[in-house]
Amino acid sequence: MKGRKRHIVTDVLGLVLGCYVTSANMADVKAAPAVLIWVLEMFKRLIKVLTDQGYQGALGALIRTFFAQQQRQVEVEISQRPTEAKGFQVEPKRWIVERTWAWLDNARSLTRDYERLPENHEGMIYVVMIRLMLRRLAKNRRTWQAKPT
């Protein structure tokens, strides 16, 4: 199958902590441990992971068994749509990741698949996120500079 599937882990602000790019025919549950275990090892303070229904399955058990040797508790919570909901309804905390995807989709280098290797596409996601954060820091610095009196 032609195409790519991008898996990202974000914090509550929507900043990308980890990314993994696979071919489009790979299941979400198989690709999630590649990025999630790496992020959980890098950021020791993370204790709860919120996922959508695409990552449902043995992901929670895999995370618990992986970190059982380290005496670390990591909870995996899958966001569920309310059963009484009809039509479109925003799932709790899901908008954070969707907002991050919207930020990333504004970059021309990510809207088209210019890279040949998935690792290069993964690197471009990190570059675009760095660029976004530098722009925000520069804008924030200008507003915090002292005004001449």
N, C-alpha and C. Protein backbone atom coordinates (compact mmCIF):
# COMPACT_ATOMS: atom_id res chain seq x y z
N MET A 1 0.84 -1.19 0.00
CA MET A 1 0.00 0.00 0.00
C MET A 1 0.88 1.24 0.00
N LYS A 2 0.50 2.23 -0.74
CA LYS A 2 1.28 3.45 -0.84
C LYS A 2 0.82 4.43 0.23
N GLY A 3 1.75 5.12 0.85
CA GLY A 3 1.41 6.14 1.83
C GLY A 3 2.14 5.94 3.12
N ARG A 4 1.92 6.91 4.01
CA ARG A 4 2.58 6.91 5.31
C ARG A 4 1.56 7.14 6.40
N LYS A 5 1.88 6.61 7.56
CA LYS A 5 1.06 6.84 8.74
C LYS A 5 2.00 7.40 9.80
N ARG A 6 1.60 8.52 10.41
CA ARG A 6 2.44 9.18 11.40
C ARG A 6 1.83 8.99 12.78
N HIS A 7 2.67 8.60 13.72
CA HIS A 7 2.26 8.40 15.10
C HIS A 7 3.05 9.38 15.95
N ILE A 8 2.35 10.22 16.73
CA ILE A 8 3.06 11.18 17.57
C ILE A 8 2.60 11.05 19.01
N VAL A 9 3.50 11.42 19.90
CA VAL A 9 3.19 11.54 21.32
C VAL A 9 3.39 13.00 21.66
N THR A 10 2.37 13.63 22.24
CA THR A 10 2.45 15.04 22.60
C THR A 10 2.25 15.20 24.10
N ASP A 11 2.67 16.35 24.60
CA ASP A 11 2.37 16.67 25.99
C ASP A 11 1.05 17.44 26.02
N VAL A 12 0.67 17.95 27.17
CA VAL A 12 -0.63 18.63 27.30
C VAL A 12 -0.66 19.96 26.57
N LEU A 13 0.50 20.51 26.22
CA LEU A 13 0.54 21.75 25.45
C LEU A 13 0.47 21.51 23.95
N GLY A 14 0.61 20.27 23.53
CA GLY A 14 0.58 19.94 22.11
C GLY A 14 1.96 19.88 21.49
N LEU A 15 3.01 19.90 22.29
CA LEU A 15 4.37 19.82 21.76
C LEU A 15 4.74 18.36 21.51
N VAL A 16 5.39 18.11 20.40
CA VAL A 16 5.73 16.74 20.02
C VAL A 16 6.87 16.23 20.90
N LEU A 17 6.61 15.15 21.62
CA LEU A 17 7.64 14.50 22.42
C LEU A 17 8.32 13.38 21.65
N GLY A 18 7.57 12.71 20.81
CA GLY A 18 8.12 11.61 20.02
C GLY A 18 7.29 11.39 18.78
N CYS A 19 7.93 10.83 17.77
CA CYS A 19 7.26 10.62 16.49
C CYS A 19 7.78 9.33 15.87
N TYR A 20 6.91 8.63 15.15
CA TYR A 20 7.29 7.42 14.44
C TYR A 20 6.48 7.34 13.16
N VAL A 21 7.14 7.17 12.04
CA VAL A 21 6.48 7.12 10.74
C VAL A 21 6.59 5.71 10.19
N THR A 22 5.44 5.16 9.76
CA THR A 22 5.41 3.81 9.21
C THR A 22 4.69 3.83 7.87
N SER A 23 4.67 2.70 7.21
CA SER A 23 3.86 2.59 6.00
C SER A 23 2.38 2.58 6.40
N ALA A 24 1.53 2.93 5.49
CA ALA A 24 0.11 3.10 5.80
C ALA A 24 -0.59 1.78 6.12
N ASN A 25 -0.02 0.66 5.73
CA ASN A 25 -0.71 -0.60 5.98
C ASN A 25 -0.35 -1.24 7.32
N MET A 26 0.46 -0.58 8.14
CA MET A 26 0.80 -1.11 9.46
C MET A 26 -0.28 -0.70 10.47
N ALA A 27 -0.68 -1.65 11.31
CA ALA A 27 -1.70 -1.38 12.32
C ALA A 27 -1.16 -0.44 13.38
N ASP A 28 -2.07 0.39 13.94
CA ASP A 28 -1.68 1.36 14.96
C ASP A 28 -1.11 0.69 16.19
N VAL A 29 -1.69 -0.43 16.60
CA VAL A 29 -1.25 -1.11 17.82
C VAL A 29 0.16 -1.65 17.67
N LYS A 30 0.57 -2.03 16.46
CA LYS A 30 1.92 -2.54 16.25
C LYS A 30 2.96 -1.42 16.23
N ALA A 31 2.57 -0.24 15.78
CA ALA A 31 3.53 0.86 15.66
C ALA A 31 3.65 1.67 16.95
N ALA A 32 2.64 1.66 17.78
CA ALA A 32 2.63 2.49 18.99
C ALA A 32 3.77 2.18 19.95
N PRO A 33 4.10 0.91 20.24
CA PRO A 33 5.19 0.68 21.20
C PRO A 33 6.53 1.25 20.76
N ALA A 34 6.77 1.35 19.47
CA ALA A 34 8.05 1.86 18.99
C ALA A 34 8.30 3.29 19.45
N VAL A 35 7.27 4.10 19.44
CA VAL A 35 7.43 5.50 19.86
C VAL A 35 7.09 5.68 21.33
N LEU A 36 6.11 4.96 21.83
CA LEU A 36 5.65 5.18 23.20
C LEU A 36 6.65 4.72 24.24
N ILE A 37 7.26 3.58 24.04
CA ILE A 37 8.24 3.08 25.02
C ILE A 37 9.46 4.00 25.03
N TRP A 38 9.87 4.48 23.87
CA TRP A 38 10.99 5.41 23.81
C TRP A 38 10.69 6.69 24.58
N VAL A 39 9.48 7.24 24.38
CA VAL A 39 9.11 8.48 25.07
C VAL A 39 9.01 8.24 26.58
N LEU A 40 8.45 7.12 26.98
CA LEU A 40 8.32 6.83 28.42
C LEU A 40 9.68 6.62 29.08
N GLU A 41 10.65 6.11 28.34
CA GLU A 41 12.00 5.97 28.89
C GLU A 41 12.71 7.32 28.98
N MET A 42 12.47 8.19 28.01
CA MET A 42 13.12 9.50 28.01
C MET A 42 12.54 10.42 29.09
N PHE A 43 11.23 10.39 29.25
CA PHE A 43 10.55 11.28 30.19
C PHE A 43 10.04 10.44 31.36
N LYS A 44 10.82 10.36 32.40
CA LYS A 44 10.53 9.48 33.54
C LYS A 44 9.32 9.94 34.35
N ARG A 45 8.92 11.20 34.24
CA ARG A 45 7.81 11.71 35.04
C ARG A 45 6.44 11.37 34.46
N LEU A 46 6.38 10.87 33.25
CA LEU A 46 5.09 10.52 32.64
C LEU A 46 4.51 9.30 33.34
N ILE A 47 3.28 9.43 33.81
CA ILE A 47 2.63 8.31 34.49
C ILE A 47 1.31 7.92 33.84
N LYS A 48 0.81 8.77 32.93
CA LYS A 48 -0.46 8.47 32.29
C LYS A 48 -0.38 8.78 30.80
N VAL A 49 -0.89 7.86 30.00
CA VAL A 49 -0.90 8.03 28.55
C VAL A 49 -2.35 7.94 28.08
N LEU A 50 -2.80 8.98 27.38
CA LEU A 50 -4.15 8.97 26.80
C LEU A 50 -4.04 8.63 25.33
N THR A 51 -4.79 7.63 24.89
CA THR A 51 -4.76 7.22 23.48
C THR A 51 -6.16 7.23 22.91
N ASP A 52 -6.25 7.18 21.59
CA ASP A 52 -7.56 7.05 20.97
C ASP A 52 -7.85 5.58 20.72
N GLN A 53 -9.00 5.30 20.14
CA GLN A 53 -9.45 3.91 20.00
C GLN A 53 -8.64 3.12 18.99
N GLY A 54 -7.86 3.79 18.14
CA GLY A 54 -7.03 3.09 17.18
C GLY A 54 -5.92 2.29 17.85
N TYR A 55 -5.58 2.66 19.09
CA TYR A 55 -4.51 1.98 19.82
C TYR A 55 -5.06 1.00 20.85
N GLN A 56 -6.31 0.64 20.71
CA GLN A 56 -6.94 -0.30 21.64
C GLN A 56 -6.37 -1.70 21.42
N GLY A 57 -6.32 -2.48 22.45
CA GLY A 57 -5.81 -3.83 22.33
C GLY A 57 -4.82 -4.13 23.43
N ALA A 58 -3.73 -4.74 23.07
CA ALA A 58 -2.75 -5.19 24.07
C ALA A 58 -1.73 -4.13 24.42
N LEU A 59 -1.94 -2.87 24.02
CA LEU A 59 -0.96 -1.83 24.28
C LEU A 59 -0.79 -1.58 25.78
N GLY A 60 -1.88 -1.52 26.52
CA GLY A 60 -1.80 -1.29 27.96
C GLY A 60 -1.05 -2.40 28.68
N ALA A 61 -1.32 -3.64 28.33
CA ALA A 61 -0.63 -4.77 28.95
C ALA A 61 0.85 -4.77 28.59
N LEU A 62 1.17 -4.42 27.36
CA LEU A 62 2.56 -4.36 26.94
C LEU A 62 3.33 -3.31 27.73
N ILE A 63 2.75 -2.15 27.91
CA ILE A 63 3.41 -1.07 28.67
C ILE A 63 3.59 -1.49 30.12
N ARG A 64 2.55 -2.09 30.72
CA ARG A 64 2.65 -2.51 32.13
C ARG A 64 3.74 -3.56 32.32
N THR A 65 3.82 -4.53 31.42
CA THR A 65 4.85 -5.57 31.58
C THR A 65 6.24 -5.03 31.30
N PHE A 66 6.36 -4.09 30.38
CA PHE A 66 7.67 -3.53 30.06
C PHE A 66 8.24 -2.75 31.23
N PHE A 67 7.39 -2.00 31.94
CA PHE A 67 7.86 -1.18 33.05
C PHE A 67 7.71 -1.86 34.41
N ALA A 68 7.25 -3.11 34.45
CA ALA A 68 7.10 -3.82 35.72
C ALA A 68 8.46 -4.10 36.35
N GLN A 69 9.48 -4.35 35.52
CA GLN A 69 10.81 -4.61 36.07
C GLN A 69 11.39 -3.37 36.73
N GLN A 70 10.99 -2.19 36.31
CA GLN A 70 11.53 -0.95 36.84
C GLN A 70 10.70 -0.42 38.02
N GLN A 71 9.68 -1.15 38.46
CA GLN A 71 8.77 -0.71 39.51
C GLN A 71 8.19 0.67 39.18
N ARG A 72 7.78 0.83 37.96
CA ARG A 72 7.18 2.09 37.52
C ARG A 72 5.78 1.82 37.01
N GLN A 73 4.83 2.57 37.49
CA GLN A 73 3.44 2.41 37.08
C GLN A 73 3.11 3.42 35.98
N VAL A 74 2.73 2.92 34.83
CA VAL A 74 2.30 3.77 33.72
C VAL A 74 0.90 3.33 33.34
N GLU A 75 -0.04 4.26 33.43
CA GLU A 75 -1.44 3.96 33.12
C GLU A 75 -1.75 4.35 31.68
N VAL A 76 -2.39 3.46 30.95
CA VAL A 76 -2.81 3.72 29.58
C VAL A 76 -4.33 3.83 29.58
N GLU A 77 -4.82 5.01 29.21
CA GLU A 77 -6.27 5.25 29.17
C GLU A 77 -6.69 5.49 27.73
N ILE A 78 -7.71 4.77 27.29
CA ILE A 78 -8.21 4.91 25.92
C ILE A 78 -9.45 5.79 25.96
N SER A 79 -9.43 6.87 25.19
CA SER A 79 -10.58 7.78 25.18
C SER A 79 -11.74 7.10 24.49
N GLN A 80 -12.86 7.11 25.15
CA GLN A 80 -14.07 6.46 24.65
C GLN A 80 -15.12 7.50 24.32
N ARG A 81 -15.77 7.31 23.23
CA ARG A 81 -16.90 8.17 22.88
C ARG A 81 -18.10 7.75 23.71
N PRO A 82 -18.84 8.71 24.27
CA PRO A 82 -20.02 8.35 25.04
C PRO A 82 -21.02 7.57 24.20
N THR A 83 -21.62 6.54 24.78
CA THR A 83 -22.54 5.69 24.02
C THR A 83 -23.80 6.42 23.60
N GLU A 84 -24.23 7.41 24.38
CA GLU A 84 -25.46 8.13 24.05
C GLU A 84 -25.22 9.27 23.05
N ALA A 85 -23.99 9.49 22.64
CA ALA A 85 -23.66 10.58 21.73
C ALA A 85 -24.09 10.23 20.31
N LYS A 86 -24.68 11.21 19.64
CA LYS A 86 -25.07 11.06 18.24
C LYS A 86 -24.40 12.16 17.45
N GLY A 87 -23.90 11.82 16.26
CA GLY A 87 -23.22 12.81 15.44
C GLY A 87 -21.82 13.09 15.94
N PHE A 88 -21.31 14.26 15.59
CA PHE A 88 -19.95 14.62 15.99
C PHE A 88 -19.93 15.14 17.42
N GLN A 89 -18.98 14.66 18.19
CA GLN A 89 -18.78 15.14 19.54
C GLN A 89 -17.28 15.09 19.85
N VAL A 90 -16.77 16.17 20.42
CA VAL A 90 -15.35 16.25 20.73
C VAL A 90 -15.05 15.33 21.91
N GLU A 91 -14.03 14.48 21.74
CA GLU A 91 -13.61 13.61 22.84
C GLU A 91 -12.67 14.39 23.75
N PRO A 92 -12.71 14.11 25.05
CA PRO A 92 -11.85 14.84 25.98
C PRO A 92 -10.37 14.64 25.66
N LYS A 93 -9.61 15.73 25.68
CA LYS A 93 -8.16 15.76 25.46
C LYS A 93 -7.75 15.38 24.04
N ARG A 94 -8.65 14.91 23.22
CA ARG A 94 -8.31 14.52 21.85
C ARG A 94 -7.97 15.75 21.01
N TRP A 95 -8.54 16.90 21.36
CA TRP A 95 -8.31 18.11 20.59
C TRP A 95 -6.86 18.57 20.67
N ILE A 96 -6.13 18.18 21.71
CA ILE A 96 -4.72 18.58 21.84
C ILE A 96 -3.90 17.99 20.70
N VAL A 97 -4.09 16.72 20.43
CA VAL A 97 -3.35 16.07 19.34
C VAL A 97 -3.83 16.58 17.99
N GLU A 98 -5.13 16.77 17.85
CA GLU A 98 -5.66 17.28 16.58
C GLU A 98 -5.14 18.68 16.29
N ARG A 99 -4.99 19.50 17.32
CA ARG A 99 -4.44 20.84 17.14
C ARG A 99 -2.97 20.75 16.70
N THR A 100 -2.23 19.80 17.26
CA THR A 100 -0.84 19.61 16.85
C THR A 100 -0.76 19.19 15.39
N TRP A 101 -1.66 18.29 14.97
CA TRP A 101 -1.68 17.89 13.55
C TRP A 101 -1.98 19.09 12.67
N ALA A 102 -2.87 19.99 13.10
CA ALA A 102 -3.18 21.18 12.32
C ALA A 102 -1.96 22.10 12.21
N TRP A 103 -1.21 22.25 13.29
CA TRP A 103 0.02 23.05 13.25
C TRP A 103 1.01 22.44 12.26
N LEU A 104 1.18 21.12 12.32
CA LEU A 104 2.14 20.46 11.46
C LEU A 104 1.72 20.47 10.00
N ASP A 105 0.42 20.42 9.75
CA ASP A 105 -0.06 20.41 8.36
C ASP A 105 0.09 21.75 7.66
N ASN A 106 0.36 22.81 8.42
CA ASN A 106 0.60 24.11 7.79
C ASN A 106 1.96 24.17 7.12
N ALA A 107 2.84 23.24 7.42
CA ALA A 107 4.17 23.21 6.80
C ALA A 107 4.09 22.55 5.43
N ARG A 108 4.62 23.21 4.44
CA ARG A 108 4.56 22.69 3.09
C ARG A 108 5.35 21.39 2.94
N SER A 109 6.43 21.26 3.71
CA SER A 109 7.26 20.06 3.60
C SER A 109 6.55 18.81 4.13
N LEU A 110 5.49 18.98 4.90
CA LEU A 110 4.76 17.82 5.42
C LEU A 110 3.46 17.55 4.67
N THR A 111 2.98 18.51 3.88
CA THR A 111 1.72 18.27 3.17
C THR A 111 1.92 17.32 1.99
N ARG A 112 3.07 17.37 1.37
CA ARG A 112 3.41 16.43 0.31
C ARG A 112 4.47 15.48 0.82
N ASP A 113 4.53 14.30 0.26
CA ASP A 113 5.50 13.32 0.68
C ASP A 113 6.74 13.45 -0.19
N TYR A 114 7.64 14.35 0.20
CA TYR A 114 8.85 14.60 -0.58
C TYR A 114 9.97 13.60 -0.26
N GLU A 115 9.94 13.03 0.92
CA GLU A 115 11.03 12.17 1.36
C GLU A 115 10.84 10.75 0.86
N ARG A 116 11.93 10.08 0.63
CA ARG A 116 11.87 8.69 0.20
C ARG A 116 11.80 7.74 1.38
N LEU A 117 12.52 8.05 2.45
CA LEU A 117 12.58 7.18 3.62
C LEU A 117 11.66 7.71 4.73
N PRO A 118 11.03 6.81 5.49
CA PRO A 118 10.18 7.27 6.60
C PRO A 118 10.97 8.00 7.68
N GLU A 119 12.25 7.67 7.85
CA GLU A 119 13.07 8.34 8.86
C GLU A 119 13.27 9.82 8.51
N ASN A 120 13.37 10.11 7.21
CA ASN A 120 13.51 11.51 6.79
C ASN A 120 12.22 12.28 7.06
N HIS A 121 11.08 11.64 6.83
CA HIS A 121 9.80 12.28 7.11
C HIS A 121 9.65 12.54 8.61
N GLU A 122 10.11 11.59 9.41
CA GLU A 122 10.09 11.75 10.86
C GLU A 122 10.95 12.94 11.28
N GLY A 123 12.10 13.07 10.68
CA GLY A 123 12.98 14.21 10.97
C GLY A 123 12.34 15.53 10.59
N MET A 124 11.60 15.55 9.49
CA MET A 124 10.94 16.78 9.07
C MET A 124 9.86 17.19 10.07
N ILE A 125 9.19 16.22 10.69
CA ILE A 125 8.19 16.55 11.72
C ILE A 125 8.87 17.26 12.88
N TYR A 126 10.03 16.75 13.29
CA TYR A 126 10.77 17.40 14.38
C TYR A 126 11.24 18.79 13.97
N VAL A 127 11.71 18.95 12.74
CA VAL A 127 12.18 20.25 12.26
C VAL A 127 11.04 21.27 12.24
N VAL A 128 9.88 20.86 11.77
CA VAL A 128 8.73 21.76 11.72
C VAL A 128 8.30 22.15 13.13
N MET A 129 8.33 21.21 14.06
CA MET A 129 7.95 21.54 15.44
C MET A 129 8.96 22.49 16.07
N ILE A 130 10.24 22.29 15.79
CA ILE A 130 11.27 23.21 16.30
C ILE A 130 11.05 24.61 15.74
N ARG A 131 10.75 24.68 14.45
CA ARG A 131 10.51 25.99 13.84
C ARG A 131 9.31 26.69 14.46
N LEU A 132 8.24 25.94 14.71
CA LEU A 132 7.06 26.53 15.35
C LEU A 132 7.39 27.07 16.74
N MET A 133 8.16 26.31 17.51
CA MET A 133 8.48 26.74 18.86
C MET A 133 9.43 27.94 18.85
N LEU A 134 10.37 27.99 17.92
CA LEU A 134 11.26 29.15 17.84
C LEU A 134 10.49 30.41 17.48
N ARG A 135 9.53 30.29 16.59
CA ARG A 135 8.70 31.45 16.25
C ARG A 135 7.92 31.94 17.46
N ARG A 136 7.37 31.02 18.23
CA ARG A 136 6.62 31.41 19.42
C ARG A 136 7.52 32.05 20.47
N LEU A 137 8.70 31.49 20.65
CA LEU A 137 9.64 32.08 21.61
C LEU A 137 10.07 33.47 21.18
N ALA A 138 10.33 33.67 19.90
CA ALA A 138 10.72 34.99 19.41
C ALA A 138 9.59 35.99 19.59
N LYS A 139 8.37 35.58 19.31
CA LYS A 139 7.22 36.46 19.48
C LYS A 139 7.02 36.78 20.96
N ASN A 140 7.19 35.80 21.81
CA ASN A 140 7.03 36.00 23.24
C ASN A 140 8.12 36.92 23.77
N ARG A 141 9.33 36.79 23.26
CA ARG A 141 10.44 37.63 23.72
C ARG A 141 10.20 39.09 23.38
N ARG A 142 9.64 39.35 22.20
CA ARG A 142 9.35 40.73 21.81
C ARG A 142 8.31 41.36 22.71
N THR A 143 7.32 40.58 23.15
CA THR A 143 6.28 41.15 24.01
C THR A 143 6.77 41.38 25.42
N TRP A 144 7.80 40.64 25.86
CA TRP A 144 8.31 40.77 27.22
C TRP A 144 9.44 41.78 27.34
N GLN A 145 9.95 42.29 26.24
CA GLN A 145 11.02 43.26 26.33
C GLN A 145 10.51 44.55 26.94
N ALA A 146 11.36 45.19 27.71
CA ALA A 146 10.97 46.42 28.39
C ALA A 146 10.74 47.53 27.38
N LYS A 147 9.69 48.29 27.61
CA LYS A 147 9.37 49.41 26.74
C LYS A 147 10.18 50.62 27.19
N PRO A 148 10.74 51.39 26.25
CA PRO A 148 11.47 52.58 26.65
C PRO A 148 10.54 53.63 27.26
N THR A 149 10.99 54.28 28.29
CA THR A 149 10.14 55.30 28.95
C THR A 149 10.61 56.68 28.67
